């Protein structure tokens, strides 16, 4: 796929590396062209440094990997308000939370993903990649451990399919929670995880193991 990445931070770097390793064509656009060129040179594998507006042009998917307070600025540099992302899957991994506390900074009932959809008319926004640390995606597929689950939501089935393929390309397993109006719920989960982690609690210990109803159960005769 032809993937555009807006941003040059740790998540942008990790996913650019992972997708390039998987054979995808990656173009990165950042606010600082010097940082963008340095990132592309460091990653190699054909990763290109471009202007933000070029990073979103004719792409199969675009990742918006910036801090929540830089979303509007970056989308403006990419001409998103003018429709440059119309019809394009736009991946939103942002967490608008208070650092070290996990409280959402958005207004009650709002989600960052829906705000992004309003700033990028016509884009097919998919909330994804917002829970795991960037280092998770550098490892790539394979290994002894099962793939981590990437919960995501969005309104366009085709966009969800594209993002699902990109999740698999870096070793994750996509799980669609529902339409974009579920994004607030996913963002609250991120705040929950961040809050527990900074309190010194392993978030995994606070989530009960509930078998999926789609997992076949063993009948009494199965063990005989």
C-alpha atoms as a PDB file:
ATOM      1  CA  UNK A   1       0.000   0.000   0.000  1.00  0.00           C
ATOM      2  CA  UNK A   2       0.943   3.662  -0.324  1.00  0.00           C
ATOM      3  CA  UNK A   3       0.896   5.002   3.221  1.00  0.00           C
ATOM      4  CA  UNK A   4       1.223   8.600   4.355  1.00  0.00           C
ATOM      5  CA  UNK A   5       2.315   9.460   7.888  1.00  0.00           C
ATOM      6  CA  UNK A   6       1.779  12.880   9.435  1.00  0.00           C
ATOM      7  CA  UNK A   7       4.230  13.308  12.318  1.00  0.00           C
ATOM      8  CA  UNK A   8       7.786  12.374  13.264  1.00  0.00           C
ATOM      9  CA  UNK A   9       7.417  11.192  16.870  1.00  0.00           C
ATOM     10  CA  UNK A  10       7.928   7.757  18.396  1.00  0.00           C
ATOM     11  CA  UNK A  11       4.696   6.196  17.104  1.00  0.00           C
ATOM     12  CA  UNK A  12       5.167   7.653  13.620  1.00  0.00           C
ATOM     13  CA  UNK A  13       8.709   6.277  13.579  1.00  0.00           C
ATOM     14  CA  UNK A  14       7.730   2.807  14.816  1.00  0.00           C
ATOM     15  CA  UNK A  15       4.861   2.326  12.385  1.00  0.00           C
ATOM     16  CA  UNK A  16       6.826   3.790   9.473  1.00  0.00           C
ATOM     17  CA  UNK A  17       9.575   1.258  10.195  1.00  0.00           C
ATOM     18  CA  UNK A  18       7.127  -1.628  10.586  1.00  0.00           C
ATOM     19  CA  UNK A  19       5.136  -0.865   7.447  1.00  0.00           C
ATOM     20  CA  UNK A  20       8.255  -0.264   5.362  1.00  0.00           C
ATOM     21  CA  UNK A  21       9.652  -3.594   6.584  1.00  0.00           C
ATOM     22  CA  UNK A  22       6.414  -5.239   5.456  1.00  0.00           C
ATOM     23  CA  UNK A  23       6.957  -3.884   1.944  1.00  0.00           C
ATOM     24  CA  UNK A  24       4.614  -0.912   1.959  1.00  0.00           C
ATOM     25  CA  UNK A  25       5.521   2.437   0.383  1.00  0.00           C
ATOM     26  CA  UNK A  26       5.803   5.027   3.163  1.00  0.00           C
ATOM     27  CA  UNK A  27       5.956   8.826   2.890  1.00  0.00           C
ATOM     28  CA  UNK A  28       6.381  10.923   6.049  1.00  0.00           C
ATOM     29  CA  UNK A  29       5.396  14.559   6.390  1.00  0.00           C
ATOM     30  CA  UNK A  30       6.237  16.558   9.513  1.00  0.00           C
ATOM     31  CA  UNK A  31       6.091  20.162  10.636  1.00  0.00           C
ATOM     32  CA  UNK A  32       9.908  20.280  10.648  1.00  0.00           C
ATOM     33  CA  UNK A  33      11.409  19.277   7.326  1.00  0.00           C
ATOM     34  CA  UNK A  34      14.815  18.758   8.952  1.00  0.00           C
ATOM     35  CA  UNK A  35      13.355  16.222  11.426  1.00  0.00           C
ATOM     36  CA  UNK A  36      11.397  14.592   8.632  1.00  0.00           C
ATOM     37  CA  UNK A  37      14.489  14.158   6.445  1.00  0.00           C
ATOM     38  CA  UNK A  38      16.493  12.804   9.383  1.00  0.00           C
ATOM     39  CA  UNK A  39      13.758  10.277  10.126  1.00  0.00           C
ATOM     40  CA  UNK A  40      13.537   9.093   6.522  1.00  0.00           C
ATOM     41  CA  UNK A  41      17.318   8.785   6.265  1.00  0.00           C
ATOM     42  CA  UNK A  42      17.469   6.819   9.515  1.00  0.00           C
ATOM     43  CA  UNK A  43      14.732   4.387   8.532  1.00  0.00           C
ATOM     44  CA  UNK A  44      15.843   3.763   4.949  1.00  0.00           C
ATOM     45  CA  UNK A  45      13.808   1.082   3.125  1.00  0.00           C
ATOM     46  CA  UNK A  46      12.586   3.690   0.650  1.00  0.00           C
ATOM     47  CA  UNK A  47      10.830   5.832   3.289  1.00  0.00           C
ATOM     48  CA  UNK A  48      10.477   9.320   1.801  1.00  0.00           C
ATOM     49  CA  UNK A  49      10.421  12.723   3.494  1.00  0.00           C
ATOM     50  CA  UNK A  50       7.771  14.984   1.955  1.00  0.00           C
ATOM     51  CA  UNK A  51       5.632  18.006   2.780  1.00  0.00           C
ATOM     52  CA  UNK A  52       2.459  17.181   4.765  1.00  0.00           C
ATOM     53  CA  UNK A  53       0.197  17.953   1.801  1.00  0.00           C
ATOM     54  CA  UNK A  54       2.160  15.485  -0.333  1.00  0.00           C
ATOM     55  CA  UNK A  55       2.066  12.846   2.417  1.00  0.00           C
ATOM     56  CA  UNK A  56      -1.723  12.612   2.049  1.00  0.00           C
ATOM     57  CA  UNK A  57      -1.939  12.783  -1.743  1.00  0.00           C
ATOM     58  CA  UNK A  58      -3.028   9.589  -3.533  1.00  0.00           C
ATOM     59  CA  UNK A  59      -2.541   7.387  -0.448  1.00  0.00           C
ATOM     60  CA  UNK A  60      -4.269   4.146   0.459  1.00  0.00           C
ATOM     61  CA  UNK A  61      -4.177   5.220   4.129  1.00  0.00           C
ATOM     62  CA  UNK A  62      -2.840   8.079   6.249  1.00  0.00           C
ATOM     63  CA  UNK A  63      -1.694   7.938   9.878  1.00  0.00           C
ATOM     64  CA  UNK A  64      -2.144  11.099  11.955  1.00  0.00           C
ATOM     65  CA  UNK A  65       0.576  10.532  14.572  1.00  0.00           C
ATOM     66  CA  UNK A  66       0.830  13.823  16.453  1.00  0.00           C
ATOM     67  CA  UNK A  67      -0.093  14.982  19.947  1.00  0.00           C
ATOM     68  CA  UNK A  68      -3.718  15.932  20.408  1.00  0.00           C
ATOM     69  CA  UNK A  69      -2.896  19.635  20.686  1.00  0.00           C
ATOM     70  CA  UNK A  70      -1.134  19.533  17.287  1.00  0.00           C
ATOM     71  CA  UNK A  71      -3.973  17.815  15.396  1.00  0.00           C
ATOM     72  CA  UNK A  72      -5.568  20.947  13.966  1.00  0.00           C
ATOM     73  CA  UNK A  73      -2.234  22.464  12.922  1.00  0.00           C
ATOM     74  CA  UNK A  74      -1.038  19.307  11.163  1.00  0.00           C
ATOM     75  CA  UNK A  75      -4.326  18.735   9.357  1.00  0.00           C
ATOM     76  CA  UNK A  76      -4.165  22.345   8.207  1.00  0.00           C
ATOM     77  CA  UNK A  77      -0.665  21.817   6.779  1.00  0.00           C
ATOM     78  CA  UNK A  78      -2.035  18.774   4.925  1.00  0.00           C
ATOM     79  CA  UNK A  79      -4.929  20.834   3.484  1.00  0.00           C
ATOM     80  CA  UNK A  80      -7.392  18.465   5.167  1.00  0.00           C
ATOM     81  CA  UNK A  81     -10.022  21.194   5.780  1.00  0.00           C
ATOM     82  CA  UNK A  82     -10.087  21.695   1.988  1.00  0.00           C
ATOM     83  CA  UNK A  83     -10.876  18.014   1.354  1.00  0.00           C
ATOM     84  CA  UNK A  84      -7.390  16.613   0.629  1.00  0.00           C
ATOM     85  CA  UNK A  85      -8.254  13.469   2.609  1.00  0.00           C
ATOM     86  CA  UNK A  86     -11.675  12.867   1.084  1.00  0.00           C
ATOM     87  CA  UNK A  87     -12.237   9.143   0.634  1.00  0.00           C
ATOM     88  CA  UNK A  88      -8.980   8.244   2.416  1.00  0.00           C
ATOM     89  CA  UNK A  89      -8.751   6.006   5.509  1.00  0.00           C
ATOM     90  CA  UNK A  90      -7.352   8.329   8.208  1.00  0.00           C
ATOM     91  CA  UNK A  91      -5.950   6.488  11.232  1.00  0.00           C
ATOM     92  CA  UNK A  92      -6.299   8.313  14.557  1.00  0.00           C
ATOM     93  CA  UNK A  93      -4.046   6.949  17.355  1.00  0.00           C
ATOM     94  CA  UNK A  94      -4.151  10.095  19.506  1.00  0.00           C
ATOM     95  CA  UNK A  95      -4.776  10.137  23.243  1.00  0.00           C
ATOM     96  CA  UNK A  96      -6.088  13.437  24.544  1.00  0.00           C
ATOM     97  CA  UNK A  97      -5.438  12.720  28.220  1.00  0.00           C
ATOM     98  CA  UNK A  98      -3.813  14.450  31.167  1.00  0.00           C
ATOM     99  CA  UNK A  99      -0.267  13.120  31.468  1.00  0.00           C
ATOM    100  CA  UNK A 100       0.226  10.723  34.375  1.00  0.00           C
ATOM    101  CA  UNK A 101      -3.453  10.850  35.340  1.00  0.00           C
ATOM    102  CA  UNK A 102      -5.341   9.539  32.328  1.00  0.00           C
ATOM    103  CA  UNK A 103      -8.304  11.911  32.562  1.00  0.00           C
ATOM    104  CA  UNK A 104      -9.650  12.780  29.115  1.00  0.00           C
ATOM    105  CA  UNK A 105      -9.198  16.415  28.117  1.00  0.00           C
ATOM    106  CA  UNK A 106     -12.078  16.392  25.639  1.00  0.00           C
ATOM    107  CA  UNK A 107     -15.485  17.701  26.619  1.00  0.00           C
ATOM    108  CA  UNK A 108     -17.932  15.210  28.089  1.00  0.00           C
ATOM    109  CA  UNK A 109     -19.444  13.078  25.360  1.00  0.00           C
ATOM    110  CA  UNK A 110     -16.926  14.148  22.710  1.00  0.00           C
ATOM    111  CA  UNK A 111     -14.117  12.105  21.177  1.00  0.00           C
ATOM    112  CA  UNK A 112     -10.880  13.179  19.546  1.00  0.00           C
ATOM    113  CA  UNK A 113     -11.640  10.895  16.600  1.00  0.00           C
ATOM    114  CA  UNK A 114     -14.942  12.620  15.861  1.00  0.00           C
ATOM    115  CA  UNK A 115     -13.225  16.000  16.186  1.00  0.00           C
ATOM    116  CA  UNK A 116     -10.657  14.862  13.614  1.00  0.00           C
ATOM    117  CA  UNK A 117     -13.454  13.743  11.304  1.00  0.00           C
ATOM    118  CA  UNK A 118     -14.865  17.263  11.499  1.00  0.00           C
ATOM    119  CA  UNK A 119     -11.471  18.795  10.659  1.00  0.00           C
ATOM    120  CA  UNK A 120     -10.939  16.474   7.686  1.00  0.00           C
ATOM    121  CA  UNK A 121     -14.208  16.451   5.713  1.00  0.00           C
ATOM    122  CA  UNK A 122     -14.709  13.324   3.651  1.00  0.00           C
ATOM    123  CA  UNK A 123     -11.957  11.325   5.376  1.00  0.00           C
ATOM    124  CA  UNK A 124     -12.832   7.844   6.649  1.00  0.00           C
ATOM    125  CA  UNK A 125     -11.511   8.152  10.215  1.00  0.00           C
ATOM    126  CA  UNK A 126     -10.548   4.942  12.024  1.00  0.00           C
ATOM    127  CA  UNK A 127      -9.563   4.992  15.689  1.00  0.00           C
ATOM    128  CA  UNK A 128      -6.689   2.521  16.149  1.00  0.00           C
ATOM    129  CA  UNK A 129      -3.140   2.056  17.506  1.00  0.00           C
ATOM    130  CA  UNK A 130      -3.806   4.220  20.577  1.00  0.00           C
ATOM    131  CA  UNK A 131      -3.284   1.719  23.405  1.00  0.00           C
ATOM    132  CA  UNK A 132       0.142   0.112  22.978  1.00  0.00           C
ATOM    133  CA  UNK A 133       3.513   1.815  23.295  1.00  0.00           C
ATOM    134  CA  UNK A 134       5.331   2.549  20.038  1.00  0.00           C
ATOM    135  CA  UNK A 135       7.963  -0.094  20.736  1.00  0.00           C
ATOM    136  CA  UNK A 136       5.305  -2.784  20.297  1.00  0.00           C
ATOM    137  CA  UNK A 137       5.214  -2.146  16.539  1.00  0.00           C
ATOM    138  CA  UNK A 138       8.967  -2.300  15.987  1.00  0.00           C
ATOM    139  CA  UNK A 139       9.008  -6.029  16.806  1.00  0.00           C
ATOM    140  CA  UNK A 140       6.928  -7.033  13.800  1.00  0.00           C
ATOM    141  CA  UNK A 141       4.941 -10.248  13.260  1.00  0.00           C
ATOM    142  CA  UNK A 142       6.111 -13.623  14.511  1.00  0.00           C
ATOM    143  CA  UNK A 143       7.661 -14.773  17.753  1.00  0.00           C
ATOM    144  CA  UNK A 144       6.330 -17.052  20.436  1.00  0.00           C
ATOM    145  CA  UNK A 145       3.729 -14.679  21.887  1.00  0.00           C
ATOM    146  CA  UNK A 146       0.266 -14.369  20.316  1.00  0.00           C
ATOM    147  CA  UNK A 147      -0.458 -11.083  18.522  1.00  0.00           C
ATOM    148  CA  UNK A 148      -1.803  -8.215  20.593  1.00  0.00           C
ATOM    149  CA  UNK A 149      -5.347  -7.100  19.853  1.00  0.00           C
ATOM    150  CA  UNK A 150      -5.809  -3.671  18.307  1.00  0.00           C
ATOM    151  CA  UNK A 151      -9.309  -2.464  19.119  1.00  0.00           C
ATOM    152  CA  UNK A 152     -10.566  -0.005  16.545  1.00  0.00           C
ATOM    153  CA  UNK A 153     -13.731   1.639  15.297  1.00  0.00           C
ATOM    154  CA  UNK A 154     -14.900   3.517  12.235  1.00  0.00           C
ATOM    155  CA  UNK A 155     -17.859   4.098   9.945  1.00  0.00           C
ATOM    156  CA  UNK A 156     -16.503   2.866   6.601  1.00  0.00           C
ATOM    157  CA  UNK A 157     -16.134  -0.929   6.160  1.00  0.00           C
ATOM    158  CA  UNK A 158     -13.526  -0.588   3.412  1.00  0.00           C
ATOM    159  CA  UNK A 159     -11.407   1.750   5.554  1.00  0.00           C
ATOM    160  CA  UNK A 160     -11.648  -0.658   8.482  1.00  0.00           C
ATOM    161  CA  UNK A 161     -10.456  -3.425   6.156  1.00  0.00           C
ATOM    162  CA  UNK A 162      -7.436  -1.401   5.032  1.00  0.00           C
ATOM    163  CA  UNK A 163      -6.467  -0.504   8.597  1.00  0.00           C
ATOM    164  CA  UNK A 164      -6.944  -4.130   9.639  1.00  0.00           C
ATOM    165  CA  UNK A 165      -4.372  -5.184   7.031  1.00  0.00           C
ATOM    166  CA  UNK A 166      -1.953  -2.566   8.340  1.00  0.00           C
ATOM    167  CA  UNK A 167      -2.475  -3.849  11.879  1.00  0.00           C
ATOM    168  CA  UNK A 168      -1.562  -7.374  10.752  1.00  0.00           C
ATOM    169  CA  UNK A 169       1.491  -6.056   8.901  1.00  0.00           C
ATOM    170  CA  UNK A 170       3.070  -4.993  12.201  1.00  0.00           C
ATOM    171  CA  UNK A 171       2.055  -8.063  14.169  1.00  0.00           C
ATOM    172  CA  UNK A 172      -1.311  -7.109  15.626  1.00  0.00           C
ATOM    173  CA  UNK A 173      -4.783  -8.644  15.402  1.00  0.00           C
ATOM    174  CA  UNK A 174      -7.535  -6.156  14.484  1.00  0.00           C
ATOM    175  CA  UNK A 175     -10.821  -6.159  16.404  1.00  0.00           C
ATOM    176  CA  UNK A 176     -13.572  -3.805  15.240  1.00  0.00           C
ATOM    177  CA  UNK A 177     -15.617  -2.498  18.174  1.00  0.00           C
ATOM    178  CA  UNK A 178     -18.177  -0.668  16.068  1.00  0.00           C
ATOM    179  CA  UNK A 179     -18.790   2.661  14.360  1.00  0.00           C
ATOM    180  CA  UNK A 180     -16.927   5.893  15.087  1.00  0.00           C
ATOM    181  CA  UNK A 181     -19.395   6.886  17.781  1.00  0.00           C
ATOM    182  CA  UNK A 182     -17.676   4.218  19.933  1.00  0.00           C
ATOM    183  CA  UNK A 183     -14.385   6.162  19.772  1.00  0.00           C
ATOM    184  CA  UNK A 184     -15.044   7.920  23.069  1.00  0.00           C
ATOM    185  CA  UNK A 185     -15.229   4.510  24.731  1.00  0.00           C
ATOM    186  CA  UNK A 186     -11.854   3.469  23.273  1.00  0.00           C
ATOM    187  CA  UNK A 187     -10.311   6.759  24.378  1.00  0.00           C
ATOM    188  CA  UNK A 188     -11.650   6.245  27.908  1.00  0.00           C
ATOM    189  CA  UNK A 189      -9.965   2.823  27.941  1.00  0.00           C
ATOM    190  CA  UNK A 190      -6.659   4.516  27.120  1.00  0.00           C
ATOM    191  CA  UNK A 191      -7.156   6.884  30.041  1.00  0.00           C
ATOM    192  CA  UNK A 192      -7.963   3.917  32.305  1.00  0.00           C
ATOM    193  CA  UNK A 193      -4.776   2.096  31.241  1.00  0.00           C
ATOM    194  CA  UNK A 194      -2.584   5.194  31.574  1.00  0.00           C
ATOM    195  CA  UNK A 195      -3.997   6.047  34.987  1.00  0.00           C
ATOM    196  CA  UNK A 196      -3.356   2.562  36.367  1.00  0.00           C
ATOM    197  CA  UNK A 197       0.136   2.382  34.879  1.00  0.00           C
ATOM    198  CA  UNK A 198       1.194   5.679  36.455  1.00  0.00           C
ATOM    199  CA  UNK A 199      -0.296   4.496  39.760  1.00  0.00           C
ATOM    200  CA  UNK A 200       2.084   1.508  39.631  1.00  0.00           C
ATOM    201  CA  UNK A 201      -0.584  -1.071  38.775  1.00  0.00           C
ATOM    202  CA  UNK A 202      -0.334  -3.488  35.855  1.00  0.00           C
ATOM    203  CA  UNK A 203      -3.501  -2.674  33.841  1.00  0.00           C
ATOM    204  CA  UNK A 204      -3.739  -6.317  32.745  1.00  0.00           C
ATOM    205  CA  UNK A 205      -4.413  -7.317  36.351  1.00  0.00           C
ATOM    206  CA  UNK A 206      -7.548  -5.128  36.357  1.00  0.00           C
ATOM    207  CA  UNK A 207      -9.139  -6.719  33.280  1.00  0.00           C
ATOM    208  CA  UNK A 208     -10.858 -10.085  33.850  1.00  0.00           C
ATOM    209  CA  UNK A 209     -10.243 -12.888  31.399  1.00  0.00           C
ATOM    210  CA  UNK A 210     -13.596 -13.476  29.720  1.00  0.00           C
ATOM    211  CA  UNK A 211     -13.641 -16.191  27.027  1.00  0.00           C
ATOM    212  CA  UNK A 212     -15.040 -15.046  23.700  1.00  0.00           C
ATOM    213  CA  UNK A 213     -18.506 -16.460  22.943  1.00  0.00           C
ATOM    214  CA  UNK A 214     -17.064 -17.421  19.541  1.00  0.00           C
ATOM    215  CA  UNK A 215     -14.453 -19.680  21.140  1.00  0.00           C
ATOM    216  CA  UNK A 216     -15.597 -23.321  20.913  1.00  0.00           C
ATOM    217  CA  UNK A 217     -16.141 -24.813  24.336  1.00  0.00           C
ATOM    218  CA  UNK A 218     -15.007 -28.333  25.091  1.00  0.00           C
ATOM    219  CA  UNK A 219     -17.819 -30.789  25.634  1.00  0.00           C
ATOM    220  CA  UNK A 220     -17.545 -33.321  28.494  1.00  0.00           C
ATOM    221  CA  UNK A 221     -16.769 -36.042  25.958  1.00  0.00           C
ATOM    222  CA  UNK A 222     -13.964 -34.031  24.373  1.00  0.00           C
ATOM    223  CA  UNK A 223     -11.522 -34.986  27.123  1.00  0.00           C
ATOM    224  CA  UNK A 224     -12.354 -38.694  27.003  1.00  0.00           C
END
